[in-house]
C-alpha atoms as a PDB file:
ATOM      1  CA  GLY A   1      46.469 134.646  94.967  1.00  0.00           C
ATOM      2  CA  SER A   2      48.856 132.208  93.254  1.00  0.00           C
ATOM      3  CA  ASN A   3      47.515 129.600  90.714  1.00  0.00           C
ATOM      4  CA  ARG A   4      50.067 127.012  91.749  1.00  0.00           C
ATOM      5  CA  LYS A   5      48.605 123.758  93.092  1.00  0.00           C
ATOM      6  CA  GLU A   6      50.358 121.872  95.825  1.00  0.00           C
ATOM      7  CA  LEU A   7      50.104 118.159  96.553  1.00  0.00           C
ATOM      8  CA  MET A   8      48.734 117.797 100.010  1.00  0.00           C
ATOM      9  CA  GLY A   9      48.588 113.947 100.264  1.00  0.00           C
ATOM     10  CA  MET A  10      47.656 110.604  98.586  1.00  0.00           C
ATOM     11  CA  VAL A  11      45.094 107.881  99.330  1.00  0.00           C
ATOM     12  CA  TYR A  12      45.279 104.298  98.012  1.00  0.00           C
ATOM     13  CA  LEU A  13      42.037 102.187  97.727  1.00  0.00           C
ATOM     14  CA  GLY A  14      42.350  98.419  97.355  1.00  0.00           C
ATOM     15  CA  VAL A  15      39.626  95.915  96.392  1.00  0.00           C
ATOM     16  CA  SER A  16      40.061  92.232  97.097  1.00  0.00           C
ATOM     17  CA  MET A  17      39.553  90.225  93.862  1.00  0.00           C
ATOM     18  CA  ARG A  18      38.500  87.254  95.927  1.00  0.00           C
ATOM     19  CA  ASN A  19      35.710  89.219  97.576  1.00  0.00           C
ATOM     20  CA  LEU A  20      34.722  90.717  94.229  1.00  0.00           C
ATOM     21  CA  ASN A  21      34.525  87.310  92.543  1.00  0.00           C
ATOM     22  CA  LYS A  22      32.569  85.945  95.485  1.00  0.00           C
ATOM     23  CA  ALA A  23      30.073  88.803  95.236  1.00  0.00           C
ATOM     24  CA  ILE A  24      29.702  88.229  91.498  1.00  0.00           C
ATOM     25  CA  TYR A  25      29.188  84.501  92.088  1.00  0.00           C
ATOM     26  CA  LEU A  26      26.473  85.178  94.670  1.00  0.00           C
ATOM     27  CA  ILE A  27      24.705  87.575  92.303  1.00  0.00           C
ATOM     28  CA  GLN A  28      24.843  85.034  89.466  1.00  0.00           C
ATOM     29  CA  ARG A  29      23.608  82.288  91.767  1.00  0.00           C
ATOM     30  CA  LYS A  30      20.637  84.394  92.902  1.00  0.00           C
ATOM     31  CA  ALA A  31      19.835  85.303  89.277  1.00  0.00           C
ATOM     32  CA  PHE A  32      19.965  81.624  88.288  1.00  0.00           C
ATOM     33  CA  ILE A  33      17.708  80.595  91.174  1.00  0.00           C
ATOM     34  CA  ILE A  34      15.201  83.348  90.352  1.00  0.00           C
ATOM     35  CA  THR A  35      15.236  82.464  86.640  1.00  0.00           C
ATOM     36  CA  PHE A  36      14.841  78.751  87.386  1.00  0.00           C
ATOM     37  CA  GLY A  37      11.974  79.507  89.757  1.00  0.00           C
ATOM     38  CA  ILE A  38      10.177  81.600  87.147  1.00  0.00           C
ATOM     39  CA  ILE A  39      10.605  78.859  84.513  1.00  0.00           C
ATOM     40  CA  LEU A  40       9.415  76.187  86.955  1.00  0.00           C
ATOM     41  CA  VAL A  41       6.323  78.200  87.866  1.00  0.00           C
ATOM     42  CA  GLY A  42       5.615  78.777  84.160  1.00  0.00           C
ATOM     43  CA  ILE A  43       5.914  75.042  83.443  1.00  0.00           C
ATOM     44  CA  ILE A  44       3.594  74.166  86.317  1.00  0.00           C
ATOM     45  CA  LEU A  45       1.015  76.747  85.208  1.00  0.00           C
ATOM     46  CA  THR A  46       1.231  75.460  81.614  1.00  0.00           C
ATOM     47  CA  ILE A  47       0.737  71.862  82.734  1.00  0.00           C
ATOM     48  CA  LEU A  48      -2.251  72.848  84.882  1.00  0.00           C
ATOM     49  CA  MET A  49      -3.790  74.815  82.008  1.00  0.00           C
ATOM     50  CA  ILE A  50      -3.309  71.910  79.586  1.00  0.00           C
ATOM     51  CA  ARG A  51      -4.834  69.470  82.066  1.00  0.00           C
ATOM     52  CA  PHE A  52      -7.769  71.845  82.590  1.00  0.00           C
ATOM     53  CA  VAL A  53      -8.549  71.806  78.852  1.00  0.00           C
ATOM     54  CA  THR A  54      -7.505  68.329  77.677  1.00  0.00           C
ATOM     55  CA  HIS A  55      -8.616  66.222  80.643  1.00  0.00           C
ATOM     56  CA  PRO A  56     -12.378  66.709  80.072  1.00  0.00           C
ATOM     57  CA  LEU A  57     -11.874  66.291  76.311  1.00  0.00           C
ATOM     58  CA  ARG A  58     -10.065  63.015  76.909  1.00  0.00           C
ATOM     59  CA  LYS A  59     -12.897  61.884  79.184  1.00  0.00           C
ATOM     60  CA  LEU A  60     -15.353  62.778  76.418  1.00  0.00           C
ATOM     61  CA  MET A  61     -13.220  60.950  73.844  1.00  0.00           C
ATOM     62  CA  ASP A  62     -13.113  57.816  76.001  1.00  0.00           C
ATOM     63  CA  ALA A  63     -16.878  58.059  76.502  1.00  0.00           C
ATOM     64  CA  THR A  64     -17.406  58.348  72.738  1.00  0.00           C
ATOM     65  CA  LYS A  65     -15.427  55.166  72.143  1.00  0.00           C
ATOM     66  CA  ILE A  66     -17.349  53.340  74.870  1.00  0.00           C
ATOM     67  CA  VAL A  67     -20.693  54.424  73.390  1.00  0.00           C
ATOM     68  CA  ALA A  68     -19.512  53.528  69.879  1.00  0.00           C
ATOM     69  CA  GLN A  69     -18.824  49.992  71.187  1.00  0.00           C
ATOM     70  CA  GLY A  70     -22.474  49.706  72.256  1.00  0.00           C
ATOM     71  CA  ASN A  71     -22.403  50.672  75.944  1.00  0.00           C
ATOM     72  CA  LEU A  72     -25.202  53.231  76.119  1.00  0.00           C
ATOM     73  CA  ASP A  73     -25.324  53.259  79.934  1.00  0.00           C
ATOM     74  CA  TYR A  74     -22.141  55.305  80.168  1.00  0.00           C
ATOM     75  CA  TYR A  75     -22.532  58.869  81.486  1.00  0.00           C
ATOM     76  CA  VAL A  76     -19.946  61.642  81.167  1.00  0.00           C
ATOM     77  CA  ARG A  77     -19.496  63.609  84.401  1.00  0.00           C
ATOM     78  CA  ILE A  78     -18.121  67.032  83.471  1.00  0.00           C
ATOM     79  CA  GLU A  79     -19.460  69.852  85.675  1.00  0.00           C
ATOM     80  CA  ARG A  80     -18.573  72.937  83.640  1.00  0.00           C
ATOM     81  CA  LYS A  81     -20.532  75.801  82.099  1.00  0.00           C
ATOM     82  CA  ASP A  82     -18.294  76.528  79.098  1.00  0.00           C
ATOM     83  CA  GLU A  83     -18.424  74.996  75.603  1.00  0.00           C
ATOM     84  CA  ILE A  84     -16.954  71.723  76.853  1.00  0.00           C
ATOM     85  CA  GLY A  85     -19.671  71.471  79.517  1.00  0.00           C
ATOM     86  CA  ILE A  86     -22.358  72.125  76.908  1.00  0.00           C
ATOM     87  CA  LEU A  87     -20.797  69.474  74.680  1.00  0.00           C
ATOM     88  CA  ALA A  88     -20.766  66.961  77.561  1.00  0.00           C
ATOM     89  CA  ASN A  89     -24.442  67.641  78.301  1.00  0.00           C
ATOM     90  CA  SER A  90     -25.303  67.214  74.614  1.00  0.00           C
ATOM     91  CA  PHE A  91     -23.346  63.957  74.535  1.00  0.00           C
ATOM     92  CA  ASN A  92     -25.201  62.631  77.579  1.00  0.00           C
ATOM     93  CA  GLN A  93     -28.522  63.643  76.038  1.00  0.00           C
ATOM     94  CA  MET A  94     -27.558  61.925  72.780  1.00  0.00           C
ATOM     95  CA  THR A  95     -26.577  58.745  74.665  1.00  0.00           C
ATOM     96  CA  SER A  96     -29.897  58.790  76.515  1.00  0.00           C
ATOM     97  CA  GLU A  97     -31.811  59.153  73.234  1.00  0.00           C
ATOM     98  CA  LEU A  98     -29.769  56.332  71.697  1.00  0.00           C
ATOM     99  CA  LYS A  99     -30.581  54.086  74.641  1.00  0.00           C
ATOM    100  CA  LYS A 100     -34.299  54.811  74.328  1.00  0.00           C
ATOM    101  CA  SER A 101     -34.134  54.175  70.588  1.00  0.00           C
ATOM    102  CA  ARG A 102     -32.294  50.888  71.057  1.00  0.00           C
ATOM    103  CA  GLU A 103     -34.931  49.756  73.546  1.00  0.00           C
ATOM    104  CA  LYS A 104     -37.616  50.639  71.006  1.00  0.00           C
ATOM    105  CA  ILE A 105     -35.804  48.612  68.341  1.00  0.00           C
ATOM    106  CA  GLU A 106     -35.422  45.628  70.666  1.00  0.00           C
ATOM    107  CA  ASN A 107     -39.104  45.748  71.645  1.00  0.00           C
ATOM    108  CA  TRP A 108     -40.130  46.098  68.024  1.00  0.00           C
ATOM    109  CA  ASN A 109     -37.854  43.196  67.111  1.00  0.00           C
ATOM    110  CA  LYS A 110     -39.385  41.004  69.822  1.00  0.00           C
ATOM    111  CA  GLU A 111     -42.893  41.919  68.738  1.00  0.00           C
ATOM    112  CA  LEU A 112     -41.999  41.198  65.132  1.00  0.00           C
ATOM    113  CA  GLU A 113     -40.523  37.808  66.049  1.00  0.00           C
ATOM    114  CA  ILE A 114     -43.659  36.958  68.025  1.00  0.00           C
ATOM    115  CA  LYS A 115     -45.791  37.961  65.041  1.00  0.00           C
ATOM    116  CA  VAL A 116     -43.635  35.842  62.746  1.00  0.00           C
ATOM    117  CA  ILE A 117     -43.928  32.830  65.074  1.00  0.00           C
ATOM    118  CA  GLU A 118     -47.675  33.270  65.458  1.00  0.00           C
ATOM    119  CA  ARG A 119     -48.184  33.768  61.753  1.00  0.00           C
ATOM    120  CA  THR A 120     -46.046  30.751  60.885  1.00  0.00           C
ATOM    121  CA  LYS A 121     -47.971  28.576  63.308  1.00  0.00           C
ATOM    122  CA  GLU A 122     -51.267  29.808  61.915  1.00  0.00           C
ATOM    123  CA  LEU A 123     -50.177  29.118  58.355  1.00  0.00           C
ATOM    124  CA  SER A 124     -48.933  25.674  59.307  1.00  0.00           C
ATOM    125  CA  GLU A 125     -52.313  24.765  60.776  1.00  0.00           C
ATOM    126  CA  LYS A 126     -54.104  26.065  57.703  1.00  0.00           C
ATOM    127  CA  HIS A 127     -51.799  24.051  55.481  1.00  0.00           C
ATOM    128  CA  LYS A 128     -52.649  20.844  57.345  1.00  0.00           C
ATOM    129  CA  GLU A 129     -56.379  21.501  57.332  1.00  0.00           C
ATOM    130  CA  LEU A 130     -56.861  22.942  53.859  1.00  0.00           C
ATOM    131  CA  LYS A 131     -54.398  21.763  51.221  1.00  0.00           C
ATOM    132  CA  LYS A 132     -56.421  23.438  48.528  1.00  0.00           C
ATOM    133  CA  TYR A 133     -55.258  26.804  49.872  1.00  0.00           C
ATOM    134  CA  SER A 134     -51.590  26.080  49.165  1.00  0.00           C
ATOM    135  CA  GLU A 135     -51.216  29.165  47.000  1.00  0.00           C
ATOM    136  CA  GLU A 136     -52.502  31.348  49.793  1.00  0.00           C
ATOM    137  CA  LEU A 137     -50.055  29.758  52.216  1.00  0.00           C
ATOM    138  CA  LYS A 138     -47.239  30.307  49.788  1.00  0.00           C
ATOM    139  CA  ARG A 139     -48.083  34.005  49.449  1.00  0.00           C
ATOM    140  CA  ALA A 140     -48.283  34.346  53.240  1.00  0.00           C
ATOM    141  CA  TYR A 141     -44.906  32.651  53.598  1.00  0.00           C
ATOM    142  CA  GLU A 142     -43.384  35.088  51.124  1.00  0.00           C
ATOM    143  CA  GLU A 143     -44.916  37.916  53.125  1.00  0.00           C
ATOM    144  CA  LEU A 144     -43.207  36.609  56.254  1.00  0.00           C
ATOM    145  CA  LYS A 145     -39.886  36.412  54.444  1.00  0.00           C
ATOM    146  CA  THR A 146     -40.362  39.987  53.270  1.00  0.00           C
ATOM    147  CA  LEU A 147     -41.073  41.138  56.811  1.00  0.00           C
ATOM    148  CA  ASP A 148     -37.990  39.350  58.107  1.00  0.00           C
ATOM    149  CA  LYS A 149     -35.849  40.859  55.352  1.00  0.00           C
ATOM    150  CA  ALA A 150     -37.369  44.274  56.057  1.00  0.00           C
ATOM    151  CA  LYS A 151     -36.380  43.861  59.694  1.00  0.00           C
ATOM    152  CA  ASP A 152     -32.772  43.043  58.738  1.00  0.00           C
ATOM    153  CA  ASP A 153     -32.639  45.907  56.230  1.00  0.00           C
ATOM    154  CA  PHE A 154     -34.082  48.271  58.817  1.00  0.00           C
ATOM    155  CA  LEU A 155     -31.504  47.330  61.460  1.00  0.00           C
ATOM    156  CA  SER A 156     -28.702  47.584  58.887  1.00  0.00           C
ATOM    157  CA  LEU A 157     -29.927  51.018  57.777  1.00  0.00           C
ATOM    158  CA  VAL A 158     -30.157  52.304  61.350  1.00  0.00           C
ATOM    159  CA  SER A 159     -26.642  51.044  62.126  1.00  0.00           C
ATOM    160  CA  HIS A 160     -25.217  52.782  59.051  1.00  0.00           C
ATOM    161  CA  GLU A 161     -27.068  56.060  59.585  1.00  0.00           C
ATOM    162  CA  LEU A 162     -25.999  56.332  63.223  1.00  0.00           C
ATOM    163  CA  ARG A 163     -22.386  55.493  62.423  1.00  0.00           C
ATOM    164  CA  THR A 164     -21.862  58.494  60.088  1.00  0.00           C
ATOM    165  CA  PRO A 165     -22.480  61.332  62.613  1.00  0.00           C
ATOM    166  CA  LEU A 166     -20.792  59.296  65.358  1.00  0.00           C
ATOM    167  CA  SER A 167     -17.691  58.994  63.153  1.00  0.00           C
ATOM    168  CA  SER A 168     -17.687  62.778  62.679  1.00  0.00           C
ATOM    169  CA  ILE A 169     -17.954  63.314  66.426  1.00  0.00           C
ATOM    170  CA  VAL A 170     -15.059  60.904  67.078  1.00  0.00           C
ATOM    171  CA  ALA A 171     -12.914  62.437  64.324  1.00  0.00           C
ATOM    172  CA  TYR A 172     -13.331  66.044  65.533  1.00  0.00           C
ATOM    173  CA  THR A 173     -12.776  64.989  69.136  1.00  0.00           C
ATOM    174  CA  GLU A 174      -9.479  63.354  68.095  1.00  0.00           C
ATOM    175  CA  VAL A 175      -8.505  66.533  66.239  1.00  0.00           C
ATOM    176  CA  LEU A 176      -9.082  68.568  69.414  1.00  0.00           C
ATOM    177  CA  LEU A 177      -7.209  66.059  71.590  1.00  0.00           C
ATOM    178  CA  ASP A 178      -4.241  66.105  69.199  1.00  0.00           C
ATOM    179  CA  ASP A 179      -4.106  69.942  69.497  1.00  0.00           C
ATOM    180  CA  MET A 180      -4.577  70.367  65.737  1.00  0.00           C
ATOM    181  CA  ALA A 181      -6.737  73.477  66.275  1.00  0.00           C
ATOM    182  CA  GLU A 182      -4.457  76.471  65.720  1.00  0.00           C
ATOM    183  CA  THR A 183      -6.719  79.147  67.231  1.00  0.00           C
ATOM    184  CA  LYS A 184      -9.463  79.455  69.814  1.00  0.00           C
ATOM    185  CA  GLU A 185     -11.913  80.289  67.042  1.00  0.00           C
ATOM    186  CA  GLU A 186     -10.995  77.108  65.168  1.00  0.00           C
ATOM    187  CA  GLU A 187     -11.346  75.061  68.369  1.00  0.00           C
ATOM    188  CA  LYS A 188     -14.775  76.591  69.002  1.00  0.00           C
ATOM    189  CA  SER A 189     -15.733  75.839  65.387  1.00  0.00           C
ATOM    190  CA  TYR A 190     -14.848  72.165  65.885  1.00  0.00           C
ATOM    191  CA  LEU A 191     -16.904  72.046  69.083  1.00  0.00           C
ATOM    192  CA  GLU A 192     -19.845  73.607  67.243  1.00  0.00           C
ATOM    193  CA  ILE A 193     -19.557  70.940  64.531  1.00  0.00           C
ATOM    194  CA  ILE A 194     -19.608  68.208  67.198  1.00  0.00           C
ATOM    195  CA  LYS A 195     -22.669  69.863  68.769  1.00  0.00           C
ATOM    196  CA  ASN A 196     -24.419  70.124  65.368  1.00  0.00           C
ATOM    197  CA  GLU A 197     -23.620  66.486  64.554  1.00  0.00           C
ATOM    198  CA  SER A 198     -25.025  65.454  67.955  1.00  0.00           C
ATOM    199  CA  ASP A 199     -28.219  67.422  67.248  1.00  0.00           C
ATOM    200  CA  ARG A 200     -28.455  65.900  63.762  1.00  0.00           C
ATOM    201  CA  LEU A 201     -27.995  62.444  65.255  1.00  0.00           C
ATOM    202  CA  THR A 202     -30.835  63.112  67.685  1.00  0.00           C
ATOM    203  CA  ARG A 203     -33.093  64.295  64.842  1.00  0.00           C
ATOM    204  CA  LEU A 204     -32.093  61.271  62.784  1.00  0.00           C
ATOM    205  CA  ILE A 205     -33.032  58.918  65.600  1.00  0.00           C
ATOM    206  CA  ASN A 206     -36.377  60.647  66.132  1.00  0.00           C
ATOM    207  CA  ASN A 207     -37.207  60.486  62.415  1.00  0.00           C
ATOM    208  CA  VAL A 208     -35.891  57.058  61.412  1.00  0.00           C
ATOM    209  CA  LEU A 209     -36.997  55.210  64.531  1.00  0.00           C
ATOM    210  CA  ASP A 210     -40.567  56.461  64.587  1.00  0.00           C
ATOM    211  CA  LEU A 211     -42.016  52.956  64.567  1.00  0.00           C
ATOM    212  CA  SER A 212     -45.606  53.992  63.996  1.00  0.00           C
ATOM    213  CA  LYS A 213     -44.648  55.730  60.751  1.00  0.00           C
ATOM    214  CA  MET A 214     -42.397  52.859  59.685  1.00  0.00           C
ATOM    215  CA  GLU A 215     -45.159  50.315  60.324  1.00  0.00           C
ATOM    216  CA  ALA A 216     -47.585  52.454  58.321  1.00  0.00           C
ATOM    217  CA  GLY A 217     -45.157  52.245  55.393  1.00  0.00           C
ATOM    218  CA  ARG A 218     -44.619  55.967  55.007  1.00  0.00           C
ATOM    219  CA  MET A 219     -41.745  58.322  55.776  1.00  0.00           C
ATOM    220  CA  PRO A 220     -42.551  62.032  56.347  1.00  0.00           C
ATOM    221  CA  PHE A 221     -40.743  64.685  54.292  1.00  0.00           C
ATOM    222  CA  GLU A 222     -40.491  68.373  55.105  1.00  0.00           C
ATOM    223  CA  PHE A 223     -39.848  70.141  51.821  1.00  0.00           C
ATOM    224  CA  LYS A 224     -38.634  73.732  51.718  1.00  0.00           C
ATOM    225  CA  TYR A 225     -36.416  75.900  49.550  1.00  0.00           C
ATOM    226  CA  VAL A 226     -32.796  75.801  50.662  1.00  0.00           C
ATOM    227  CA  GLU A 227     -29.494  76.782  49.077  1.00  0.00           C
ATOM    228  CA  LEU A 228     -27.691  73.881  47.423  1.00  0.00           C
ATOM    229  CA  SER A 229     -24.378  75.135  48.825  1.00  0.00           C
ATOM    230  CA  LYS A 230     -25.761  74.912  52.378  1.00  0.00           C
ATOM    231  CA  LEU A 231     -26.689  71.234  51.911  1.00  0.00           C
ATOM    232  CA  VAL A 232     -23.291  70.314  50.489  1.00  0.00           C
ATOM    233  CA  ASN A 233     -21.272  72.535  52.847  1.00  0.00           C
ATOM    234  CA  THR A 234     -23.035  71.057  55.891  1.00  0.00           C
ATOM    235  CA  SER A 235     -22.089  67.534  54.778  1.00  0.00           C
ATOM    236  CA  VAL A 236     -18.499  68.511  53.951  1.00  0.00           C
ATOM    237  CA  LYS A 237     -18.062  70.408  57.219  1.00  0.00           C
ATOM    238  CA  GLY A 238     -19.442  67.516  59.243  1.00  0.00           C
ATOM    239  CA  LEU A 239     -16.936  65.067  57.713  1.00  0.00           C
ATOM    240  CA  ALA A 240     -13.948  67.423  57.484  1.00  0.00           C
ATOM    241  CA  GLY A 241     -12.448  65.865  60.612  1.00  0.00           C
ATOM    242  CA  ALA A 242     -12.482  62.381  59.044  1.00  0.00           C
ATOM    243  CA  ALA A 243     -10.980  63.804  55.833  1.00  0.00           C
ATOM    244  CA  ILE A 244      -8.193  65.513  57.807  1.00  0.00           C
ATOM    245  CA  LYS A 245      -7.501  62.297  59.686  1.00  0.00           C
ATOM    246  CA  HIS A 246      -7.011  60.408  56.401  1.00  0.00           C
ATOM    247  CA  LYS A 247      -5.115  63.358  54.818  1.00  0.00           C
ATOM    248  CA  HIS A 248      -7.692  63.652  52.019  1.00  0.00           C
ATOM    249  CA  LYS A 249      -8.135  66.756  49.888  1.00  0.00           C
ATOM    250  CA  VAL A 250     -11.835  67.575  49.452  1.00  0.00           C
ATOM    251  CA  ILE A 251     -12.652  69.772  46.447  1.00  0.00           C
ATOM    252  CA  ASN A 252     -16.125  71.289  46.831  1.00  0.00           C
ATOM    253  CA  LYS A 253     -17.127  72.901  43.522  1.00  0.00           C
ATOM    254  CA  LEU A 254     -20.572  73.748  44.918  1.00  0.00           C
ATOM    255  CA  GLU A 255     -19.278  75.727  47.895  1.00  0.00           C
ATOM    256  CA  ASN A 256     -20.362  79.142  46.639  1.00  0.00           C
ATOM    257  CA  THR A 257     -23.278  78.292  44.350  1.00  0.00           C
ATOM    258  CA  SER A 258     -26.470  80.316  44.832  1.00  0.00           C
ATOM    259  CA  ILE A 259     -28.898  77.711  43.438  1.00  0.00           C
ATOM    260  CA  LEU A 260     -32.100  77.153  45.452  1.00  0.00           C
ATOM    261  CA  VAL A 261     -33.556  73.629  45.570  1.00  0.00           C
ATOM    262  CA  LEU A 262     -36.797  72.233  46.985  1.00  0.00           C
ATOM    263  CA  ALA A 263     -35.807  69.423  49.337  1.00  0.00           C
ATOM    264  CA  ASP A 264     -35.969  67.924  52.835  1.00  0.00           C
ATOM    265  CA  GLU A 265     -32.773  69.422  54.275  1.00  0.00           C
ATOM    266  CA  ASP A 266     -31.957  66.754  56.888  1.00  0.00           C
ATOM    267  CA  LYS A 267     -32.579  63.817  54.553  1.00  0.00           C
ATOM    268  CA  ILE A 268     -30.565  65.275  51.655  1.00  0.00           C
ATOM    269  CA  VAL A 269     -27.675  66.059  54.026  1.00  0.00           C
ATOM    270  CA  GLN A 270     -27.992  62.486  55.258  1.00  0.00           C
ATOM    271  CA  VAL A 271     -27.693  61.071  51.710  1.00  0.00           C
ATOM    272  CA  ILE A 272     -24.751  63.301  50.754  1.00  0.00           C
ATOM    273  CA  SER A 273     -22.990  62.563  54.059  1.00  0.00           C
ATOM    274  CA  ASN A 274     -23.386  58.800  53.567  1.00  0.00           C
ATOM    275  CA  ILE A 275     -21.853  58.870  50.083  1.00  0.00           C
ATOM    276  CA  LEU A 276     -19.087  61.269  51.160  1.00  0.00           C
ATOM    277  CA  SER A 277     -18.367  59.122  54.225  1.00  0.00           C
ATOM    278  CA  ASN A 278     -17.923  56.047  52.018  1.00  0.00           C
ATOM    279  CA  ALA A 279     -15.609  57.994  49.710  1.00  0.00           C
ATOM    280  CA  ILE A 280     -13.456  59.033  52.679  1.00  0.00           C
ATOM    281  CA  LYS A 281     -13.471  55.519  54.124  1.00  0.00           C
ATOM    282  CA  PHE A 282     -12.601  53.577  50.980  1.00  0.00           C
ATOM    283  CA  THR A 283     -10.085  56.028  49.479  1.00  0.00           C
ATOM    284  CA  PRO A 284      -6.414  55.411  50.425  1.00  0.00           C
ATOM    285  CA  ASP A 285      -4.886  58.101  52.671  1.00  0.00           C
ATOM    286  CA  GLY A 286      -3.909  61.251  50.819  1.00  0.00           C
ATOM    287  CA  GLY A 287      -6.663  60.892  48.216  1.00  0.00           C
ATOM    288  CA  VAL A 288      -8.683  63.520  46.348  1.00  0.00           C
ATOM    289  CA  ILE A 289     -12.476  63.681  46.672  1.00  0.00           C
ATOM    290  CA  THR A 290     -14.425  66.002  44.366  1.00  0.00           C
ATOM    291  CA  ILE A 291     -18.008  67.206  44.788  1.00  0.00           C
ATOM    292  CA  SER A 292     -19.680  68.740  41.729  1.00  0.00           C
ATOM    293  CA  GLY A 293     -23.168  69.325  40.360  1.00  0.00           C
ATOM    294  CA  GLU A 294     -25.066  69.856  37.128  1.00  0.00           C
ATOM    295  CA  LEU A 295     -28.496  71.271  36.225  1.00  0.00           C
ATOM    296  CA  LYS A 296     -30.663  68.829  34.254  1.00  0.00           C
ATOM    297  CA  ASP A 297     -34.235  69.806  33.337  1.00  0.00           C
ATOM    298  CA  LYS A 298     -34.835  71.923  36.473  1.00  0.00           C
ATOM    299  CA  MET A 299     -33.241  69.201  38.574  1.00  0.00           C
ATOM    300  CA  VAL A 300     -29.768  69.199  40.154  1.00  0.00           C
ATOM    301  CA  GLU A 301     -27.544  66.143  39.872  1.00  0.00           C
ATOM    302  CA  ILE A 302     -24.826  66.019  42.557  1.00  0.00           C
ATOM    303  CA  SER A 303     -21.727  63.887  41.858  1.00  0.00           C
ATOM    304  CA  ILE A 304     -19.104  62.709  44.372  1.00  0.00           C
ATOM    305  CA  SER A 305     -15.967  61.180  42.878  1.00  0.00           C
ATOM    306  CA  ASP A 306     -12.726  59.907  44.386  1.00  0.00           C
ATOM    307  CA  ASN A 307      -9.543  58.138  43.364  1.00  0.00           C
ATOM    308  CA  GLY A 308     -10.169  55.092  45.535  1.00  0.00           C
ATOM    309  CA  CYS A 309     -10.721  51.450  44.594  1.00  0.00           C
ATOM    310  CA  GLY A 310     -14.299  52.017  43.415  1.00  0.00           C
ATOM    311  CA  ILE A 311     -17.137  49.476  43.398  1.00  0.00           C
ATOM    312  CA  LYS A 312     -16.643  46.120  41.712  1.00  0.00           C
ATOM    313  CA  LYS A 313     -18.812  45.551  38.670  1.00  0.00           C
ATOM    314  CA  SER A 314     -20.039  42.334  40.250  1.00  0.00           C
ATOM    315  CA  ASP A 315     -21.510  44.426  43.118  1.00  0.00           C
ATOM    316  CA  PHE A 316     -23.412  46.906  40.913  1.00  0.00           C
ATOM    317  CA  ASP A 317     -26.636  44.906  41.155  1.00  0.00           C
ATOM    318  CA  LYS A 318     -26.410  44.882  44.969  1.00  0.00           C
ATOM    319  CA  VAL A 319     -26.017  48.660  45.044  1.00  0.00           C
ATOM    320  CA  LEU A 320     -28.957  49.160  42.700  1.00  0.00           C
ATOM    321  CA  SER A 321     -31.116  46.845  44.810  1.00  0.00           C
ATOM    322  CA  LEU A 322     -30.303  48.887  47.926  1.00  0.00           C
ATOM    323  CA  ILE A 323     -31.257  52.081  46.087  1.00  0.00           C
ATOM    324  CA  HIS A 324     -34.697  50.670  45.279  1.00  0.00           C
ATOM    325  CA  ILE A 325     -35.377  49.532  48.871  1.00  0.00           C
END
């Protein structure tokens, strides 16, 4: 019953520092290998994901440049069902429509040249046979010159009108390829703009290159009431990629206006886009482009100003002559 404790024996435990350090080294080595493996797998997955997204976009970008250089036989082969696949299909459809339109222009050009040759020959024979009809021959010759000039103006107009939406498509494609889209929603928005510009280009081709209407000397208009802000915002949105590329600041004072106007939506957007495209093109990088409007006797006057080089006074008459064509 005593509380005294007696020492019965002692045990000494010894750990080899060499073995301990070796065990620690092995643990660290395994941890390093596992960590390196995880990082390597992550890098590989990231590379594969980037290639999955950017590779078809790069193919589409290359195709856009090839088509812009005039090769309309090029076909983009992207077998996907997402937004990129839809964009590729729209691009191929647009290229097909462009090819058909170019063939129409070439045929019309050949027919026009044949008509010019035939008419010139006919007038030459009349001039030899009947000198008293010199005034009539002169008027016919002026008519031929007008037709030839109309042909040149027509081809120049078509080239300019097709270049504007194509430039927007190229600009937004470059933005996507340069990973300038910060979110998925923004990337989808850019793809939608490219799709809309492709659709607008198709409509433009169908309207402008309707040879029967052009030969009849009339252009159809589809007037309806539309918000002024929608017309301007559509043009600004379509050329935002080009503005970003040139680091321009676009100030749209009509962005939130609620004014309704009676107009042909596609053709007004076409006019605004052409002027805005020229402002972006001829303004030095980092410029400021302002879009404003003013009500004048139940009409709306839209103004687009920039801080670029402007138009030389000596070229004012040329611009006015183009406006009256």
